[in-house]
Amino acid sequence: MNLSRPSSVVLGAGLMGRLLAWQLARAGHAVTVYEAGSADAQGSPARIAAAMLAPLAESAVTEPSVVEMGRYSLQRWPALLAQLSQPVFFQQDGTLILWHRQDAAEAQRFARQLQTTQEKLPALPKPQALDAAGVTQLEPSLGHRFTQGLYLPGEGQLDNRQLLAALLHELQTLQVDLHWNSPRAPQDFQPGTAGQPDWVFDCRGLGAQAQWPQLRGIRGEVARLHAPEVTLSRPTRLIHPRYAVYIAPKQDHVFVIGATEIESDDLSPPSVRSTLELLSAAYTVHPGFAEARILEIATQCRPTLPDNLPAIRQLGARTLQVNGLYRHGFMISPAVLDAVLELVREQTTTLATSLDLHVETVPA
């Protein structure tokens, strides 16, 4: 062990594992990564995510602590992206919420949830009610189809696959020791002992279920479309009583569309029913999707703990498990990252305390 340069092992190279390995390497650690899958992150939920950074919009389905982590992370992403040598698409043009007339009651319920969040977290930007003219001003191609909406200013998104590729490039540039198709578990290491790493970080998502049995999978289904006839400037969400569809526009008229959320770790292909619902809902937002080309319809399971909240666990003094980011991985990962890095530097984390991010110590 080189006493002048700490050594770290990161298990898992999804979003959290790549971010952590990258920042540890930048901080001077000799980093080794073990990933059960391949370098293209095919087995990671981060590969199919929409990567929306929308804490206020997500407040309808999550706790204030996650909203606060999202708000913190939204401010951190520009600085993190600026450290990358490869460009990553990022925008912060807000979120548009729409609904059809028959779903007005559901929209009112959603608005009340946002108001409750605003009362608890007054620093959040306030939602802006839109009439048909307001919708048209934000998205000219939608104004004649919707007479009401909500605009959530300041929210953002990034390109998930560009980010994963850019992070891989950084790891290679920093000479991180990368081992693909090489599953490992925390018990394979004895950090702090002779010939062993100083730190072990377990970021394997559902791959950590054997050591963290409370983890479960939440299935999500996402379509990626190329729609040259569709012009949207920002992520758009369609309120619906059964499924709330989101449409995230990426570069070059590529759109990520998702909605389904199923309590299951089933990774089989999407059903015909869910695919029809997903694409039909997108078509009701913009008829240009009828002529879109389907680039991909994918399924993945997000790692989720019983309370649907993220957590950091300490297994002994120098083994940390980071997991449970659920559907909020891109939205909250910088906050979780900074808390872990602070824990490594200071052996405590005031950031986690301030964000109500759960940190616990369990027997090894």
Protein backbone atom coordinates (compact mmCIF):
# COMPACT_ATOMS: atom_id res chain seq x y z
CA MET A 1 0.00 0.00 0.00
CA ASN A 2 1.33 3.40 -0.98
CA LEU A 3 0.96 5.57 2.12
CA SER A 4 1.26 8.77 0.11
CA ARG A 5 -1.55 7.85 -2.25
CA PRO A 6 -4.75 6.27 -0.92
CA SER A 7 -6.14 3.35 -2.87
CA SER A 8 -9.82 2.69 -3.49
CA VAL A 9 -11.90 -0.06 -5.04
CA VAL A 10 -15.27 0.83 -6.59
CA LEU A 11 -17.72 -1.98 -7.22
CA GLY A 12 -20.13 -1.18 -10.04
CA ALA A 13 -19.69 1.21 -12.97
CA GLY A 14 -23.16 2.62 -13.42
CA LEU A 15 -23.82 6.29 -12.84
CA MET A 16 -22.89 6.38 -9.15
CA GLY A 17 -19.85 4.13 -9.55
CA ARG A 18 -18.45 6.16 -12.44
CA LEU A 19 -19.00 9.49 -10.73
CA LEU A 20 -17.36 8.27 -7.53
CA ALA A 21 -14.39 6.58 -9.24
CA TRP A 22 -13.81 9.71 -11.32
CA GLN A 23 -13.84 12.10 -8.37
CA LEU A 24 -11.70 9.81 -6.22
CA ALA A 25 -9.13 9.61 -9.03
CA ARG A 26 -9.20 13.39 -9.40
CA ALA A 27 -8.58 13.64 -5.64
CA GLY A 28 -5.43 11.54 -5.99
CA HIS A 29 -6.67 8.05 -5.14
CA ALA A 30 -5.37 5.02 -7.03
CA VAL A 31 -8.73 3.65 -8.13
CA THR A 32 -9.70 0.17 -9.30
CA VAL A 33 -13.20 -0.50 -10.68
CA TYR A 34 -14.88 -3.89 -10.91
CA GLU A 35 -18.03 -4.08 -13.02
CA ALA A 36 -20.15 -7.18 -13.63
CA GLY A 37 -21.15 -5.94 -17.08
CA SER A 38 -19.48 -4.27 -20.02
CA ALA A 39 -18.04 -0.81 -20.53
CA ASP A 40 -21.14 0.44 -22.39
CA ALA A 41 -23.26 0.19 -19.19
CA GLN A 42 -25.82 -2.07 -20.86
CA GLY A 43 -26.81 -3.51 -17.48
CA SER A 44 -27.24 -0.15 -15.76
CA PRO A 45 -30.55 1.71 -15.31
CA ALA A 46 -28.58 4.88 -16.08
CA ARG A 47 -28.28 3.84 -19.72
CA ILE A 48 -32.01 4.03 -20.42
CA ALA A 49 -32.89 6.90 -18.08
CA ALA A 50 -34.34 10.20 -19.26
CA ALA A 51 -31.88 12.04 -16.96
CA MET A 52 -34.33 14.77 -16.01
CA LEU A 53 -33.22 17.07 -13.19
CA ALA A 54 -36.66 18.02 -11.93
CA PRO A 55 -36.91 18.21 -8.13
CA LEU A 56 -40.17 20.16 -8.01
CA ALA A 57 -41.88 17.93 -10.59
CA GLU A 58 -40.72 14.85 -8.70
CA SER A 59 -42.05 16.23 -5.41
CA ALA A 60 -45.41 14.75 -6.42
CA VAL A 61 -44.00 11.25 -5.87
CA THR A 62 -41.19 11.64 -3.36
CA GLU A 63 -40.15 13.12 -0.01
CA PRO A 64 -38.88 16.67 0.69
CA SER A 65 -35.40 15.27 1.41
CA VAL A 66 -35.11 13.98 -2.16
CA VAL A 67 -36.38 17.31 -3.47
CA GLU A 68 -33.65 19.06 -1.49
CA MET A 69 -31.02 16.64 -2.81
CA GLY A 70 -32.30 17.36 -6.31
CA ARG A 71 -32.14 21.09 -5.77
CA TYR A 72 -28.56 20.82 -4.47
CA SER A 73 -27.56 18.57 -7.39
CA LEU A 74 -29.11 20.83 -10.01
CA GLN A 75 -26.72 23.54 -8.85
CA ARG A 76 -23.77 21.11 -8.86
CA TRP A 77 -24.18 19.57 -12.29
CA PRO A 78 -22.78 22.51 -14.30
CA ALA A 79 -19.56 22.47 -12.27
CA LEU A 80 -19.19 18.70 -12.63
CA LEU A 81 -19.84 18.80 -16.36
CA ALA A 82 -17.27 21.57 -16.75
CA GLN A 83 -14.61 19.16 -15.45
CA LEU A 84 -15.23 16.73 -18.32
CA SER A 85 -13.14 16.86 -21.46
CA GLN A 86 -16.01 15.60 -23.65
CA PRO A 87 -19.20 17.66 -24.12
CA VAL A 88 -22.45 16.52 -22.51
CA PHE A 89 -25.80 17.99 -23.52
CA PHE A 90 -27.28 19.93 -20.58
CA GLN A 91 -30.13 22.39 -20.43
CA GLN A 92 -31.96 24.18 -17.66
CA ASP A 93 -35.05 25.52 -19.41
CA GLY A 94 -37.62 24.25 -16.93
CA THR A 95 -40.30 21.57 -17.07
CA LEU A 96 -43.68 21.88 -18.80
CA ILE A 97 -46.65 20.08 -17.22
CA LEU A 98 -49.69 19.46 -19.46
CA TRP A 99 -52.99 17.64 -19.24
CA HIS A 100 -56.01 16.95 -21.36
CA ARG A 101 -59.33 18.47 -20.33
CA GLN A 102 -60.73 15.19 -18.99
CA ASP A 103 -57.78 14.92 -16.60
CA ALA A 104 -58.27 18.35 -15.00
CA ALA A 105 -59.09 16.83 -11.59
CA GLU A 106 -55.82 14.91 -11.61
CA ALA A 107 -54.00 18.11 -12.58
CA GLN A 108 -55.56 19.94 -9.64
CA ARG A 109 -54.36 17.21 -7.31
CA PHE A 110 -50.85 17.50 -8.78
CA ALA A 111 -50.89 21.29 -8.34
CA ARG A 112 -51.89 20.90 -4.69
CA GLN A 113 -48.95 18.55 -4.15
CA LEU A 114 -46.60 21.13 -5.64
CA GLN A 115 -48.10 23.78 -3.38
CA THR A 116 -47.51 21.59 -0.33
CA THR A 117 -43.90 21.12 -1.36
CA GLN A 118 -43.54 24.87 -1.89
CA GLU A 119 -44.77 25.52 1.64
CA LYS A 120 -42.22 23.09 3.07
CA LEU A 121 -39.37 24.27 0.82
CA PRO A 122 -40.03 27.95 0.03
CA ALA A 123 -36.65 28.36 -1.69
CA LEU A 124 -37.90 26.32 -4.65
CA PRO A 125 -38.99 28.32 -7.72
CA LYS A 126 -42.75 28.73 -7.80
CA PRO A 127 -44.78 26.93 -10.48
CA GLN A 128 -46.32 29.25 -13.05
CA ALA A 129 -49.88 28.61 -14.26
CA LEU A 130 -50.26 28.78 -18.04
CA ASP A 131 -53.22 29.39 -20.32
CA ALA A 132 -53.22 28.48 -24.02
CA ALA A 133 -51.18 31.59 -24.87
CA GLY A 134 -48.64 30.73 -22.18
CA VAL A 135 -48.26 27.17 -23.47
CA THR A 136 -47.84 28.51 -27.01
CA GLN A 137 -45.17 30.96 -25.90
CA LEU A 138 -43.10 28.17 -24.35
CA GLU A 139 -43.81 25.48 -26.94
CA PRO A 140 -45.34 26.92 -30.11
CA SER A 141 -46.10 23.49 -31.55
CA LEU A 142 -48.33 22.58 -28.57
CA GLY A 143 -50.36 25.71 -27.93
CA HIS A 144 -53.35 24.77 -30.08
CA ARG A 145 -53.62 21.37 -28.36
CA PHE A 146 -53.56 22.43 -24.70
CA THR A 147 -55.43 25.24 -23.01
CA GLN A 148 -53.79 24.88 -19.58
CA GLY A 149 -50.47 23.91 -18.11
CA LEU A 150 -47.85 24.53 -15.46
CA TYR A 151 -44.30 25.72 -15.98
CA LEU A 152 -41.67 24.77 -13.43
CA PRO A 153 -38.75 27.19 -13.99
CA GLY A 154 -35.13 26.26 -13.42
CA GLU A 155 -35.45 22.51 -13.84
CA GLY A 156 -33.13 20.76 -16.24
CA GLN A 157 -31.94 17.62 -17.97
CA LEU A 158 -28.80 16.14 -19.48
CA ASP A 159 -27.93 13.39 -21.95
CA ASN A 160 -27.41 10.22 -19.95
CA ARG A 161 -25.48 8.27 -22.56
CA GLN A 162 -23.17 11.14 -23.39
CA LEU A 163 -22.44 11.48 -19.67
CA LEU A 164 -21.71 7.78 -19.18
CA ALA A 165 -19.35 7.84 -22.18
CA ALA A 166 -17.65 11.04 -21.00
CA LEU A 167 -17.13 9.58 -17.53
CA LEU A 168 -15.62 6.43 -19.05
CA HIS A 169 -13.24 8.61 -21.04
CA GLU A 170 -12.18 10.42 -17.86
CA LEU A 171 -11.57 7.14 -16.04
CA GLN A 172 -9.38 5.93 -18.88
CA THR A 173 -7.52 9.25 -19.04
CA LEU A 174 -6.89 9.17 -15.29
CA GLN A 175 -5.57 5.61 -15.65
CA VAL A 176 -8.20 4.07 -13.41
CA ASP A 177 -7.74 0.28 -13.38
CA LEU A 178 -10.95 -0.94 -15.07
CA HIS A 179 -12.15 -4.54 -14.91
CA TRP A 180 -15.22 -5.33 -17.04
CA ASN A 181 -17.30 -8.51 -16.73
CA SER A 182 -15.67 -8.96 -13.34
CA PRO A 183 -18.23 -9.12 -10.52
CA ARG A 184 -16.90 -8.59 -7.01
CA ALA A 185 -18.48 -8.15 -3.57
CA PRO A 186 -17.35 -6.23 -0.46
CA GLN A 187 -16.33 -9.43 1.33
CA ASP A 188 -13.70 -10.01 -1.37
CA PHE A 189 -11.62 -7.22 0.21
CA GLN A 190 -10.21 -6.36 3.62
CA PRO A 191 -9.62 -2.61 3.36
CA GLY A 192 -6.87 -1.18 5.48
CA THR A 193 -4.88 -4.41 5.76
CA ALA A 194 -1.59 -5.21 4.05
CA GLY A 195 -1.89 -5.56 0.29
CA GLN A 196 -5.52 -4.42 0.32
CA PRO A 197 -7.16 -1.15 -0.72
CA ASP A 198 -7.68 1.64 1.79
CA TRP A 199 -11.36 1.98 0.83
CA VAL A 200 -14.08 -0.11 -0.79
CA PHE A 201 -17.20 1.51 -2.28
CA ASP A 202 -20.12 -0.71 -3.24
CA CYS A 203 -22.23 1.02 -5.94
CA ARG A 204 -23.68 -2.10 -7.58
CA GLY A 205 -27.38 -1.22 -7.43
CA LEU A 206 -29.43 -4.40 -7.49
CA GLY A 207 -26.20 -6.35 -7.72
CA ALA A 208 -25.80 -5.70 -3.99
CA GLN A 209 -29.02 -7.50 -2.98
CA ALA A 210 -27.12 -10.40 -1.41
CA GLN A 211 -25.47 -7.99 1.04
CA TRP A 212 -28.43 -5.58 1.28
CA PRO A 213 -31.57 -7.76 1.14
CA GLN A 214 -33.97 -4.81 1.54
CA LEU A 215 -33.19 -3.69 -2.02
CA ARG A 216 -35.87 -4.37 -4.61
CA GLY A 217 -36.28 -3.61 -8.28
CA ILE A 218 -38.73 -1.10 -9.74
CA ARG A 219 -39.23 -1.86 -13.42
CA GLY A 220 -39.29 0.98 -15.90
CA GLU A 221 -39.91 0.97 -19.63
CA VAL A 222 -38.58 3.67 -21.92
CA ALA A 223 -38.79 4.38 -25.64
CA ARG A 224 -36.20 6.33 -27.60
CA LEU A 225 -37.57 7.89 -30.76
CA HIS A 226 -36.20 9.95 -33.63
CA ALA A 227 -38.94 12.43 -34.49
CA PRO A 228 -37.82 15.09 -37.01
CA GLU A 229 -41.35 16.54 -37.14
CA VAL A 230 -41.47 17.20 -33.39
CA THR A 231 -40.02 20.32 -31.83
CA LEU A 232 -39.96 20.53 -28.04
CA SER A 233 -37.58 22.77 -26.13
CA ARG A 234 -37.80 21.23 -22.66
CA PRO A 235 -38.94 18.10 -20.81
CA THR A 236 -42.70 17.83 -20.93
CA ARG A 237 -44.89 15.76 -18.62
CA LEU A 238 -48.44 14.67 -19.36
CA ILE A 239 -50.66 14.16 -16.33
CA HIS A 240 -52.84 11.07 -16.54
CA PRO A 241 -54.74 9.11 -13.85
CA ARG A 242 -53.00 5.80 -14.67
CA TYR A 243 -49.61 6.78 -16.02
CA ALA A 244 -47.80 10.12 -16.02
CA VAL A 245 -45.87 10.26 -19.29
CA TYR A 246 -42.68 12.26 -19.65
CA ILE A 247 -41.06 13.32 -22.92
CA ALA A 248 -37.43 14.42 -22.67
CA PRO A 249 -36.05 16.03 -25.86
CA LYS A 250 -32.39 15.35 -26.51
CA GLN A 251 -30.24 16.61 -29.37
CA ASP A 252 -31.02 16.02 -33.06
CA HIS A 253 -34.74 15.36 -32.54
CA VAL A 254 -34.18 12.31 -30.33
CA PHE A 255 -36.79 11.93 -27.59
CA VAL A 256 -36.80 9.73 -24.50
CA ILE A 257 -40.34 8.80 -23.49
CA GLY A 258 -41.27 6.89 -20.37
CA ALA A 259 -44.05 6.30 -17.89
CA THR A 260 -44.36 2.80 -16.56
CA GLU A 261 -43.29 1.99 -13.03
CA ILE A 262 -43.92 -1.59 -11.92
CA GLU A 263 -43.03 -3.30 -8.62
CA SER A 264 -40.95 -6.01 -10.23
CA ASP A 265 -37.38 -7.00 -10.98
CA ASP A 266 -38.51 -8.58 -14.26
CA LEU A 267 -36.17 -7.59 -17.08
CA SER A 268 -38.13 -9.20 -19.90
CA PRO A 269 -39.06 -7.02 -22.91
CA PRO A 270 -41.89 -4.48 -22.54
CA SER A 271 -45.45 -5.67 -23.04
CA VAL A 272 -47.50 -4.66 -26.06
CA ARG A 273 -50.01 -2.94 -23.77
CA SER A 274 -47.50 -0.73 -21.98
CA THR A 275 -45.75 0.13 -25.24
CA LEU A 276 -49.03 1.11 -26.89
CA GLU A 277 -50.00 3.26 -23.89
CA LEU A 278 -46.61 4.95 -23.86
CA LEU A 279 -46.53 5.79 -27.56
CA SER A 280 -50.23 6.68 -27.74
CA ALA A 281 -49.83 9.17 -24.90
CA ALA A 282 -46.85 10.77 -26.66
CA TYR A 283 -48.94 11.05 -29.84
CA THR A 284 -51.66 12.91 -27.94
CA VAL A 285 -49.05 15.49 -26.93
CA HIS A 286 -47.70 15.97 -30.46
CA PRO A 287 -49.04 14.27 -33.62
CA GLY A 288 -45.56 14.42 -35.14
CA PHE A 289 -44.69 11.34 -33.09
CA ALA A 290 -46.83 9.30 -35.49
CA GLU A 291 -44.03 9.51 -38.06
CA ALA A 292 -41.21 9.01 -35.56
CA ARG A 293 -38.80 6.11 -35.90
CA ILE A 294 -38.41 3.83 -32.90
CA LEU A 295 -34.72 3.67 -32.06
CA GLU A 296 -35.14 1.50 -28.98
CA ILE A 297 -37.67 0.24 -26.47
CA ALA A 298 -35.86 -0.84 -23.33
CA THR A 299 -36.53 -2.17 -19.87
CA GLN A 300 -34.49 -1.78 -16.72
CA CYS A 301 -34.97 -2.04 -12.96
CA ARG A 302 -34.03 0.77 -10.60
CA PRO A 303 -32.56 -0.22 -7.18
CA THR A 304 -34.98 0.84 -4.47
CA LEU A 305 -35.09 0.54 -0.67
CA PRO A 306 -38.33 0.07 1.33
CA ASP A 307 -38.82 3.80 1.90
CA ASN A 308 -37.89 4.69 -1.71
CA LEU A 309 -35.06 6.87 -0.37
CA PRO A 310 -31.31 6.69 -1.00
CA ALA A 311 -28.93 5.57 1.73
CA ILE A 312 -25.25 5.23 2.57
CA ARG A 313 -24.18 2.30 4.76
CA GLN A 314 -20.85 1.86 6.47
CA LEU A 315 -19.68 -1.74 6.69
CA GLY A 316 -16.82 -1.31 9.10
CA ALA A 317 -14.56 1.70 9.03
CA ARG A 318 -13.58 1.73 5.34
CA THR A 319 -16.33 0.03 3.34
CA LEU A 320 -19.25 2.15 2.13
CA GLN A 321 -22.36 1.01 0.32
CA VAL A 322 -24.23 3.60 -1.76
CA ASN A 323 -27.63 2.54 -3.05
CA GLY A 324 -31.37 3.07 -3.34
CA LEU A 325 -31.36 6.03 -5.74
CA TYR A 326 -34.60 4.64 -7.26
CA ARG A 327 -35.91 6.76 -10.18
CA HIS A 328 -33.92 9.80 -9.06
CA GLY A 329 -30.37 8.74 -9.94
CA PHE A 330 -29.38 11.62 -12.20
CA MET A 331 -31.42 14.10 -10.17
CA ILE A 332 -29.70 13.42 -6.82
CA SER A 333 -26.39 11.70 -7.57
CA PRO A 334 -24.18 14.81 -7.14
CA ALA A 335 -25.59 15.30 -3.62
CA VAL A 336 -24.93 11.66 -2.73
CA LEU A 337 -21.48 11.87 -4.34
CA ASP A 338 -20.48 14.93 -2.32
CA ALA A 339 -21.72 13.34 0.92
CA VAL A 340 -19.63 10.21 0.27
CA LEU A 341 -16.53 12.25 -0.56
CA GLU A 342 -16.99 14.31 2.60
CA LEU A 343 -17.33 11.11 4.61
CA VAL A 344 -14.04 9.85 3.19
CA ARG A 345 -12.23 13.13 3.92
CA GLU A 346 -13.71 13.97 7.32
CA GLN A 347 -15.09 10.64 8.64
CA THR A 348 -18.40 12.48 9.01
CA THR A 349 -20.75 14.32 6.66
CA THR A 350 -22.60 17.48 7.55
CA LEU A 351 -23.96 17.58 4.00
CA ALA A 352 -25.87 14.32 4.48
CA THR A 353 -27.28 15.67 7.72
CA SER A 354 -28.40 18.92 6.11
CA LEU A 355 -30.07 17.05 3.23
CA ASP A 356 -31.55 14.34 5.46
CA LEU A 357 -29.64 11.70 3.49
CA HIS A 358 -29.68 8.50 5.53
CA VAL A 359 -26.24 7.29 6.70
CA GLU A 360 -26.03 4.20 8.90
CA THR A 361 -23.36 1.91 10.29
CA VAL A 362 -23.99 -1.82 10.20
CA PRO A 363 -21.85 -4.79 11.26
CA ALA A 364 -19.50 -6.00 8.54
